[in-house]
Amino acid sequence: MCSFIPASLKVQNNNVAPIFIINLLISDIIQLCCMIVEVAKPDWKNEEIFFYIYCFGVLASVGFMVCIALERYLLIAWPLWYRVRRTIKISFVVCVVVWILPLVYVLPLYFLVKFEISETIFAVFLLIPFPLFIFFLGGTLKSLFAAISVSSDEKRRIVGMLVLVLLIYTLLFLPSIIWSLVEEASDNYTFDNLTFILLRFSPLADLILYVFMRKGVIDKLLASLCCCRMDSDDNSRSSA
C-alpha cells in the first residue's frame, strides 16, 4: 500500500513525512468506502465483512497519526538523530507494521472470539496513543527553543499540528476508549450512538491535519496568532 504515491507527493530522500500522510489518507479512504457501503445497506453477510474492514481502517489511521506525531516530535527534540536515522526504507517498514497490527484486533473479532477479549484489544489500541500524543506535545514544547536548525514557521506548524492531533484524538477517539472500558457507558444507548458518530468524523479531521502539514495559508494564520499573543503580552507589560 505504501507504493501508491501520487506524482505530486513523491518522497525525496530528505523528506519521509509524506509517506505517513499518504498511508493515513489511504486508511481514511478505506473508512469512507466502508461507510458508503453501510449506507447502501447490502445483505447482512457483506455488511459484516465491511464492518471488519472499517475497524481495520480506523486502527490503521490511529497508527499513522502516532507515526506523524512521533516524526514531528523527533524533528524538534532530537534533530541530529532524526536527520541521520530517517530513511525511506525504515519508513516503509514502519508502514508495513502499522498495517499489520490492526489484524490483532480484526482477526479475533472475525473468528468470533469472546467479545470481551476483542473489546479489550480495541481499548488498548486506542488508549496507548493518547498518552503518547501528550508526551510528544510536551516534549516538543520543552525542546522548541533549543531547536535552532528548524525555522520559526516550521516550529509553529509542528506545534499546531501536534495540538490538532491531540484535540482530534480527545474529541473523536476518547469517547470510544470510555465506551470500551466502562461497562455502564457501553450499555448507554445514547452514548453508544454518539461514540460511533464521532468516530466517523475522523477521516474529515485527518484532512484538516493534512492542511496543517502544508505550507502557505496556515503559516500566516499561526504567525498572526503568535503576533497577537506577543502584542498582548507587550501591552500587559507596558501597562504594568
C-alpha atoms as a PDB file:
ATOM      1  CA  MET A   1       0.000   0.000   0.000  1.00  0.00           C
ATOM      2  CA  CYS A   2       2.945   2.274   0.521  1.00  0.00           C
ATOM      3  CA  SER A   3       3.706   2.189  -3.200  1.00  0.00           C
ATOM      4  CA  PHE A   4       0.559   4.099  -4.240  1.00  0.00           C
ATOM      5  CA  ILE A   5       2.093   7.586  -4.168  1.00  0.00           C
ATOM      6  CA  PRO A   6       0.751  10.403  -6.361  1.00  0.00           C
ATOM      7  CA  ALA A   7       3.248  12.178  -8.580  1.00  0.00           C
ATOM      8  CA  SER A   8       2.641  15.471  -6.761  1.00  0.00           C
ATOM      9  CA  LEU A   9       3.655  13.881  -3.453  1.00  0.00           C
ATOM     10  CA  LYS A  10       6.759  11.938  -4.456  1.00  0.00           C
ATOM     11  CA  VAL A  11       9.024  11.288  -1.492  1.00  0.00           C
ATOM     12  CA  GLN A  12      12.557  12.592  -1.526  1.00  0.00           C
ATOM     13  CA  ASN A  13      15.392  11.129   0.485  1.00  0.00           C
ATOM     14  CA  ASN A  14      15.294  14.029   2.942  1.00  0.00           C
ATOM     15  CA  ASN A  15      11.546  14.068   3.462  1.00  0.00           C
ATOM     16  CA  VAL A  16       9.828  10.917   4.748  1.00  0.00           C
ATOM     17  CA  ALA A  17       6.803  12.577   6.359  1.00  0.00           C
ATOM     18  CA  PRO A  18       4.596  12.312   3.209  1.00  0.00           C
ATOM     19  CA  ILE A  19       4.835   8.514   3.439  1.00  0.00           C
ATOM     20  CA  PHE A  20       2.859   8.526   6.689  1.00  0.00           C
ATOM     21  CA  ILE A  21       0.459  11.181   5.382  1.00  0.00           C
ATOM     22  CA  ILE A  22      -0.255   9.167   2.223  1.00  0.00           C
ATOM     23  CA  ASN A  23      -0.891   5.988   4.214  1.00  0.00           C
ATOM     24  CA  LEU A  24      -3.136   7.918   6.602  1.00  0.00           C
ATOM     25  CA  LEU A  25      -5.177   9.136   3.634  1.00  0.00           C
ATOM     26  CA  ILE A  26      -5.402   5.559   2.301  1.00  0.00           C
ATOM     27  CA  SER A  27      -6.763   4.377   5.659  1.00  0.00           C
ATOM     28  CA  ASP A  28      -9.288   7.233   5.552  1.00  0.00           C
ATOM     29  CA  ILE A  29     -10.388   6.201   2.059  1.00  0.00           C
ATOM     30  CA  ILE A  30     -10.932   2.651   3.356  1.00  0.00           C
ATOM     31  CA  GLN A  31     -13.170   4.021   6.112  1.00  0.00           C
ATOM     32  CA  LEU A  32     -15.126   6.226   3.707  1.00  0.00           C
ATOM     33  CA  CYS A  33     -15.716   3.336   1.292  1.00  0.00           C
ATOM     34  CA  CYS A  34     -16.990   1.147   4.130  1.00  0.00           C
ATOM     35  CA  MET A  35     -19.324   3.919   5.303  1.00  0.00           C
ATOM     36  CA  ILE A  36     -20.697   4.257   1.766  1.00  0.00           C
ATOM     37  CA  VAL A  37     -21.372   0.513   1.695  1.00  0.00           C
ATOM     38  CA  GLU A  38     -23.069   0.791   5.079  1.00  0.00           C
ATOM     39  CA  VAL A  39     -25.405   3.484   3.739  1.00  0.00           C
ATOM     40  CA  ALA A  40     -26.142   1.317   0.692  1.00  0.00           C
ATOM     41  CA  LYS A  41     -27.353  -1.421   3.085  1.00  0.00           C
ATOM     42  CA  PRO A  42     -26.104  -4.648   1.460  1.00  0.00           C
ATOM     43  CA  ASP A  43     -27.081  -8.096   2.725  1.00  0.00           C
ATOM     44  CA  TRP A  44     -26.072  -8.936   6.293  1.00  0.00           C
ATOM     45  CA  LYS A  45     -23.014 -11.066   5.450  1.00  0.00           C
ATOM     46  CA  ASN A  46     -21.360  -8.424   3.258  1.00  0.00           C
ATOM     47  CA  GLU A  47     -22.195  -5.691   5.757  1.00  0.00           C
ATOM     48  CA  GLU A  48     -20.415  -7.651   8.480  1.00  0.00           C
ATOM     49  CA  ILE A  49     -17.294  -8.056   6.342  1.00  0.00           C
ATOM     50  CA  PHE A  50     -17.188  -4.328   5.577  1.00  0.00           C
ATOM     51  CA  PHE A  51     -17.563  -3.609   9.298  1.00  0.00           C
ATOM     52  CA  TYR A  52     -14.366  -5.580   9.944  1.00  0.00           C
ATOM     53  CA  ILE A  53     -12.612  -3.678   7.142  1.00  0.00           C
ATOM     54  CA  TYR A  54     -13.839  -0.393   8.641  1.00  0.00           C
ATOM     55  CA  CYS A  55     -12.399  -1.302  12.055  1.00  0.00           C
ATOM     56  CA  PHE A  56      -9.147  -2.193  10.313  1.00  0.00           C
ATOM     57  CA  GLY A  57      -9.070   1.242   8.655  1.00  0.00           C
ATOM     58  CA  VAL A  58      -9.795   3.069  11.919  1.00  0.00           C
ATOM     59  CA  LEU A  59      -6.988   1.351  13.817  1.00  0.00           C
ATOM     60  CA  ALA A  60      -4.565   1.843  10.918  1.00  0.00           C
ATOM     61  CA  SER A  61      -5.355   5.576  10.834  1.00  0.00           C
ATOM     62  CA  VAL A  62      -4.626   5.793  14.565  1.00  0.00           C
ATOM     63  CA  GLY A  63      -1.264   4.124  13.977  1.00  0.00           C
ATOM     64  CA  PHE A  64      -0.302   6.586  11.256  1.00  0.00           C
ATOM     65  CA  MET A  65      -1.399   9.531  13.405  1.00  0.00           C
ATOM     66  CA  VAL A  66       1.092   8.284  16.014  1.00  0.00           C
ATOM     67  CA  CYS A  67       3.805   7.990  13.334  1.00  0.00           C
ATOM     68  CA  ILE A  68       3.198  11.547  12.127  1.00  0.00           C
ATOM     69  CA  ALA A  69       3.243  12.963  15.658  1.00  0.00           C
ATOM     70  CA  LEU A  70       6.400  10.984  16.514  1.00  0.00           C
ATOM     71  CA  GLU A  71       8.136  12.197  13.357  1.00  0.00           C
ATOM     72  CA  ARG A  72       7.309  15.832  14.198  1.00  0.00           C
ATOM     73  CA  TYR A  73       8.477  15.361  17.812  1.00  0.00           C
ATOM     74  CA  LEU A  74      11.819  13.851  16.748  1.00  0.00           C
ATOM     75  CA  LEU A  75      12.380  16.725  14.310  1.00  0.00           C
ATOM     76  CA  ILE A  76      12.288  19.186  17.235  1.00  0.00           C
ATOM     77  CA  ALA A  77      13.537  17.190  20.246  1.00  0.00           C
ATOM     78  CA  TRP A  78      16.196  15.041  18.527  1.00  0.00           C
ATOM     79  CA  PRO A  79      17.012  16.803  15.232  1.00  0.00           C
ATOM     80  CA  LEU A  80      20.510  15.364  14.699  1.00  0.00           C
ATOM     81  CA  TRP A  81      19.451  11.788  15.473  1.00  0.00           C
ATOM     82  CA  TYR A  82      16.381  12.193  13.294  1.00  0.00           C
ATOM     83  CA  ARG A  83      18.293  13.535  10.286  1.00  0.00           C
ATOM     84  CA  VAL A  84      20.761  10.632  10.466  1.00  0.00           C
ATOM     85  CA  ARG A  85      18.240   7.851  11.093  1.00  0.00           C
ATOM     86  CA  ARG A  86      15.319   8.865   8.892  1.00  0.00           C
ATOM     87  CA  THR A  87      15.287   6.840   5.660  1.00  0.00           C
ATOM     88  CA  ILE A  88      12.590   5.818   3.234  1.00  0.00           C
ATOM     89  CA  LYS A  89      13.372   2.147   3.930  1.00  0.00           C
ATOM     90  CA  ILE A  90      12.730   2.500   7.658  1.00  0.00           C
ATOM     91  CA  SER A  91       9.523   4.442   6.941  1.00  0.00           C
ATOM     92  CA  PHE A  92       8.269   1.677   4.641  1.00  0.00           C
ATOM     93  CA  VAL A  93       8.971  -0.938   7.321  1.00  0.00           C
ATOM     94  CA  VAL A  94       7.079   1.130   9.893  1.00  0.00           C
ATOM     95  CA  CYS A  95       4.142   1.459   7.474  1.00  0.00           C
ATOM     96  CA  VAL A  96       4.011  -2.310   6.965  1.00  0.00           C
ATOM     97  CA  VAL A  97       3.988  -2.861  10.738  1.00  0.00           C
ATOM     98  CA  VAL A  98       1.204  -0.302  11.186  1.00  0.00           C
ATOM     99  CA  TRP A  99      -0.903  -2.036   8.529  1.00  0.00           C
ATOM    100  CA  ILE A 100      -0.356  -5.441  10.151  1.00  0.00           C
ATOM    101  CA  LEU A 101      -1.031  -4.502  13.784  1.00  0.00           C
ATOM    102  CA  PRO A 102      -4.827  -3.909  13.369  1.00  0.00           C
ATOM    103  CA  LEU A 103      -5.167  -7.562  12.377  1.00  0.00           C
ATOM    104  CA  VAL A 104      -4.501  -8.391  16.048  1.00  0.00           C
ATOM    105  CA  TYR A 105      -7.960  -6.925  16.723  1.00  0.00           C
ATOM    106  CA  VAL A 106      -9.797  -7.701  13.476  1.00  0.00           C
ATOM    107  CA  LEU A 107      -8.937 -11.408  13.210  1.00  0.00           C
ATOM    108  CA  PRO A 108     -10.165 -12.378  16.721  1.00  0.00           C
ATOM    109  CA  LEU A 109     -13.300 -10.331  16.047  1.00  0.00           C
ATOM    110  CA  TYR A 110     -13.843 -12.075  12.698  1.00  0.00           C
ATOM    111  CA  PHE A 111     -13.358 -15.563  14.126  1.00  0.00           C
ATOM    112  CA  LEU A 112     -15.895 -14.847  16.869  1.00  0.00           C
ATOM    113  CA  VAL A 113     -13.518 -14.846  19.820  1.00  0.00           C
ATOM    114  CA  LYS A 114     -15.180 -13.685  23.045  1.00  0.00           C
ATOM    115  CA  PHE A 115     -16.432 -10.139  22.631  1.00  0.00           C
ATOM    116  CA  GLU A 116     -14.836  -9.090  25.922  1.00  0.00           C
ATOM    117  CA  ILE A 117     -11.393 -10.047  24.581  1.00  0.00           C
ATOM    118  CA  SER A 118     -11.897  -8.148  21.320  1.00  0.00           C
ATOM    119  CA  GLU A 119     -13.229  -5.150  23.236  1.00  0.00           C
ATOM    120  CA  THR A 120     -10.160  -5.147  25.500  1.00  0.00           C
ATOM    121  CA  ILE A 121      -7.804  -5.286  22.487  1.00  0.00           C
ATOM    122  CA  PHE A 122      -9.707  -2.404  20.884  1.00  0.00           C
ATOM    123  CA  ALA A 123      -9.431  -0.343  24.093  1.00  0.00           C
ATOM    124  CA  VAL A 124      -5.675  -0.976  24.326  1.00  0.00           C
ATOM    125  CA  PHE A 125      -5.177   0.043  20.683  1.00  0.00           C
ATOM    126  CA  LEU A 126      -6.967   3.329  21.285  1.00  0.00           C
ATOM    127  CA  LEU A 127      -5.651   4.013  24.788  1.00  0.00           C
ATOM    128  CA  ILE A 128      -1.897   3.711  24.151  1.00  0.00           C
ATOM    129  CA  PRO A 129      -1.671   6.617  21.630  1.00  0.00           C
ATOM    130  CA  PHE A 130      -3.395   9.088  23.964  1.00  0.00           C
ATOM    131  CA  PRO A 131      -0.521   9.499  26.496  1.00  0.00           C
ATOM    132  CA  LEU A 132       1.937   9.361  23.584  1.00  0.00           C
ATOM    133  CA  PHE A 133       0.311  12.392  21.945  1.00  0.00           C
ATOM    134  CA  ILE A 134       0.514  14.279  25.258  1.00  0.00           C
ATOM    135  CA  PHE A 135       4.182  13.311  25.628  1.00  0.00           C
ATOM    136  CA  PHE A 136       5.027  14.339  22.048  1.00  0.00           C
ATOM    137  CA  LEU A 137       3.388  17.742  22.516  1.00  0.00           C
ATOM    138  CA  GLY A 138       5.007  18.348  25.923  1.00  0.00           C
ATOM    139  CA  GLY A 139       8.435  17.212  24.703  1.00  0.00           C
ATOM    140  CA  THR A 140       8.167  19.387  21.614  1.00  0.00           C
ATOM    141  CA  LEU A 141       7.240  22.494  23.611  1.00  0.00           C
ATOM    142  CA  LYS A 142      10.103  21.794  26.020  1.00  0.00           C
ATOM    143  CA  SER A 143      12.673  21.461  23.218  1.00  0.00           C
ATOM    144  CA  LEU A 144      11.246  24.182  20.979  1.00  0.00           C
ATOM    145  CA  PHE A 145      13.706  26.984  21.722  1.00  0.00           C
ATOM    146  CA  ALA A 146      16.729  24.665  21.566  1.00  0.00           C
ATOM    147  CA  ALA A 147      15.922  23.550  18.004  1.00  0.00           C
ATOM    148  CA  ILE A 148      17.905  26.254  16.189  1.00  0.00           C
ATOM    149  CA  SER A 149      18.093  24.210  12.969  1.00  0.00           C
ATOM    150  CA  VAL A 150      14.304  24.458  12.471  1.00  0.00           C
ATOM    151  CA  SER A 151      12.749  27.654  11.136  1.00  0.00           C
ATOM    152  CA  SER A 152      10.159  29.604  13.127  1.00  0.00           C
ATOM    153  CA  ASP A 153       7.442  28.832  10.563  1.00  0.00           C
ATOM    154  CA  GLU A 154       8.203  25.129  10.755  1.00  0.00           C
ATOM    155  CA  LYS A 155       8.124  25.240  14.572  1.00  0.00           C
ATOM    156  CA  ARG A 156       4.706  26.909  14.557  1.00  0.00           C
ATOM    157  CA  ARG A 157       3.410  24.376  12.055  1.00  0.00           C
ATOM    158  CA  ILE A 158       4.727  21.433  14.090  1.00  0.00           C
ATOM    159  CA  VAL A 159       3.229  22.710  17.354  1.00  0.00           C
ATOM    160  CA  GLY A 160      -0.067  23.495  15.631  1.00  0.00           C
ATOM    161  CA  MET A 161      -0.160  20.010  14.127  1.00  0.00           C
ATOM    162  CA  LEU A 162       0.560  18.273  17.456  1.00  0.00           C
ATOM    163  CA  VAL A 163      -2.085  20.344  19.230  1.00  0.00           C
ATOM    164  CA  LEU A 164      -4.549  19.454  16.477  1.00  0.00           C
ATOM    165  CA  VAL A 165      -3.734  15.739  16.710  1.00  0.00           C
ATOM    166  CA  LEU A 166      -4.286  15.757  20.479  1.00  0.00           C
ATOM    167  CA  LEU A 167      -7.527  17.710  20.057  1.00  0.00           C
ATOM    168  CA  ILE A 168      -8.820  15.353  17.360  1.00  0.00           C
ATOM    169  CA  TYR A 169      -7.985  12.309  19.439  1.00  0.00           C
ATOM    170  CA  THR A 170      -9.587  13.749  22.560  1.00  0.00           C
ATOM    171  CA  LEU A 171     -12.835  14.725  20.839  1.00  0.00           C
ATOM    172  CA  LEU A 172     -13.268  11.817  18.435  1.00  0.00           C
ATOM    173  CA  PHE A 173     -11.484   8.814  19.960  1.00  0.00           C
ATOM    174  CA  LEU A 174     -11.642   9.339  23.723  1.00  0.00           C
ATOM    175  CA  PRO A 175     -15.401   8.521  23.814  1.00  0.00           C
ATOM    176  CA  SER A 176     -14.600   5.182  22.123  1.00  0.00           C
ATOM    177  CA  ILE A 177     -11.991   4.456  24.804  1.00  0.00           C
ATOM    178  CA  ILE A 178     -14.556   5.179  27.525  1.00  0.00           C
ATOM    179  CA  TRP A 179     -17.111   3.039  25.667  1.00  0.00           C
ATOM    180  CA  SER A 180     -14.651   0.116  25.588  1.00  0.00           C
ATOM    181  CA  LEU A 181     -13.504   0.339  29.210  1.00  0.00           C
ATOM    182  CA  VAL A 182     -16.600   1.447  31.135  1.00  0.00           C
ATOM    183  CA  GLU A 183     -19.388  -1.110  31.135  1.00  0.00           C
ATOM    184  CA  GLU A 184     -22.068   1.434  32.052  1.00  0.00           C
ATOM    185  CA  ALA A 185     -21.067   3.600  29.084  1.00  0.00           C
ATOM    186  CA  SER A 186     -21.374   0.724  26.604  1.00  0.00           C
ATOM    187  CA  ASP A 187     -24.855  -0.035  27.917  1.00  0.00           C
ATOM    188  CA  ASN A 188     -25.996   3.558  27.380  1.00  0.00           C
ATOM    189  CA  TYR A 189     -27.774   3.701  24.004  1.00  0.00           C
ATOM    190  CA  THR A 190     -27.300   7.455  23.544  1.00  0.00           C
ATOM    191  CA  PHE A 191     -23.588   7.380  24.383  1.00  0.00           C
ATOM    192  CA  ASP A 192     -23.162   4.298  22.205  1.00  0.00           C
ATOM    193  CA  ASN A 193     -24.558   6.118  19.153  1.00  0.00           C
ATOM    194  CA  LEU A 194     -22.594   9.298  19.920  1.00  0.00           C
ATOM    195  CA  THR A 195     -19.359   7.308  20.100  1.00  0.00           C
ATOM    196  CA  PHE A 196     -19.788   5.785  16.653  1.00  0.00           C
ATOM    197  CA  ILE A 197     -20.924   9.085  15.126  1.00  0.00           C
ATOM    198  CA  LEU A 198     -17.813  10.877  16.401  1.00  0.00           C
ATOM    199  CA  LEU A 199     -15.594   8.072  15.143  1.00  0.00           C
ATOM    200  CA  ARG A 200     -16.995   8.508  11.642  1.00  0.00           C
ATOM    201  CA  PHE A 201     -15.776  12.118  11.583  1.00  0.00           C
ATOM    202  CA  SER A 202     -12.122  11.052  11.898  1.00  0.00           C
ATOM    203  CA  PRO A 203     -11.440  10.965   8.097  1.00  0.00           C
ATOM    204  CA  LEU A 204     -12.631  14.577   7.832  1.00  0.00           C
ATOM    205  CA  ALA A 205     -10.448  15.570  10.784  1.00  0.00           C
ATOM    206  CA  ASP A 206      -7.454  13.911   9.090  1.00  0.00           C
ATOM    207  CA  LEU A 207      -7.972  16.154   6.060  1.00  0.00           C
ATOM    208  CA  ILE A 208      -7.643  19.173   8.369  1.00  0.00           C
ATOM    209  CA  LEU A 209      -4.468  17.614   9.757  1.00  0.00           C
ATOM    210  CA  TYR A 210      -3.120  17.264   6.220  1.00  0.00           C
ATOM    211  CA  VAL A 211      -3.728  21.001   5.622  1.00  0.00           C
ATOM    212  CA  PHE A 212      -1.672  21.804   8.731  1.00  0.00           C
ATOM    213  CA  MET A 213       1.222  19.844   7.245  1.00  0.00           C
ATOM    214  CA  ARG A 214       1.250  22.072   4.165  1.00  0.00           C
ATOM    215  CA  LYS A 215       2.984  25.418   3.861  1.00  0.00           C
ATOM    216  CA  GLY A 216       1.147  28.627   2.984  1.00  0.00           C
ATOM    217  CA  VAL A 217      -2.070  29.945   4.499  1.00  0.00           C
ATOM    218  CA  ILE A 218      -1.687  28.011   7.735  1.00  0.00           C
ATOM    219  CA  ASP A 219       1.742  29.581   8.291  1.00  0.00           C
ATOM    220  CA  LYS A 220       0.243  33.062   8.007  1.00  0.00           C
ATOM    221  CA  LEU A 221      -2.610  32.113  10.342  1.00  0.00           C
ATOM    222  CA  LEU A 222      -0.282  30.713  13.002  1.00  0.00           C
ATOM    223  CA  ALA A 223       2.078  33.670  12.614  1.00  0.00           C
ATOM    224  CA  SER A 224      -0.778  36.137  13.114  1.00  0.00           C
ATOM    225  CA  LEU A 225      -1.954  34.265  16.211  1.00  0.00           C
ATOM    226  CA  CYS A 226       1.556  34.305  17.665  1.00  0.00           C
ATOM    227  CA  CYS A 227       1.924  38.020  16.862  1.00  0.00           C
ATOM    228  CA  CYS A 228      -1.391  38.790  18.550  1.00  0.00           C
ATOM    229  CA  ARG A 229      -0.252  36.912  21.618  1.00  0.00           C
ATOM    230  CA  MET A 230       3.097  38.733  21.700  1.00  0.00           C
ATOM    231  CA  ASP A 231       1.361  42.116  21.290  1.00  0.00           C
ATOM    232  CA  SER A 232      -0.996  41.381  24.171  1.00  0.00           C
ATOM    233  CA  ASP A 233       1.960  40.337  26.348  1.00  0.00           C
ATOM    234  CA  ASP A 234       3.803  43.564  25.473  1.00  0.00           C
ATOM    235  CA  ASN A 235       0.742  45.680  26.234  1.00  0.00           C
ATOM    236  CA  SER A 236       0.265  43.992  29.596  1.00  0.00           C
ATOM    237  CA  ARG A 237       3.929  44.547  30.495  1.00  0.00           C
ATOM    238  CA  SER A 238       3.840  48.228  29.452  1.00  0.00           C
ATOM    239  CA  SER A 239       0.658  48.857  31.418  1.00  0.00           C
ATOM    240  CA  ALA A 240       2.228  47.215  34.448  1.00  0.00           C
END
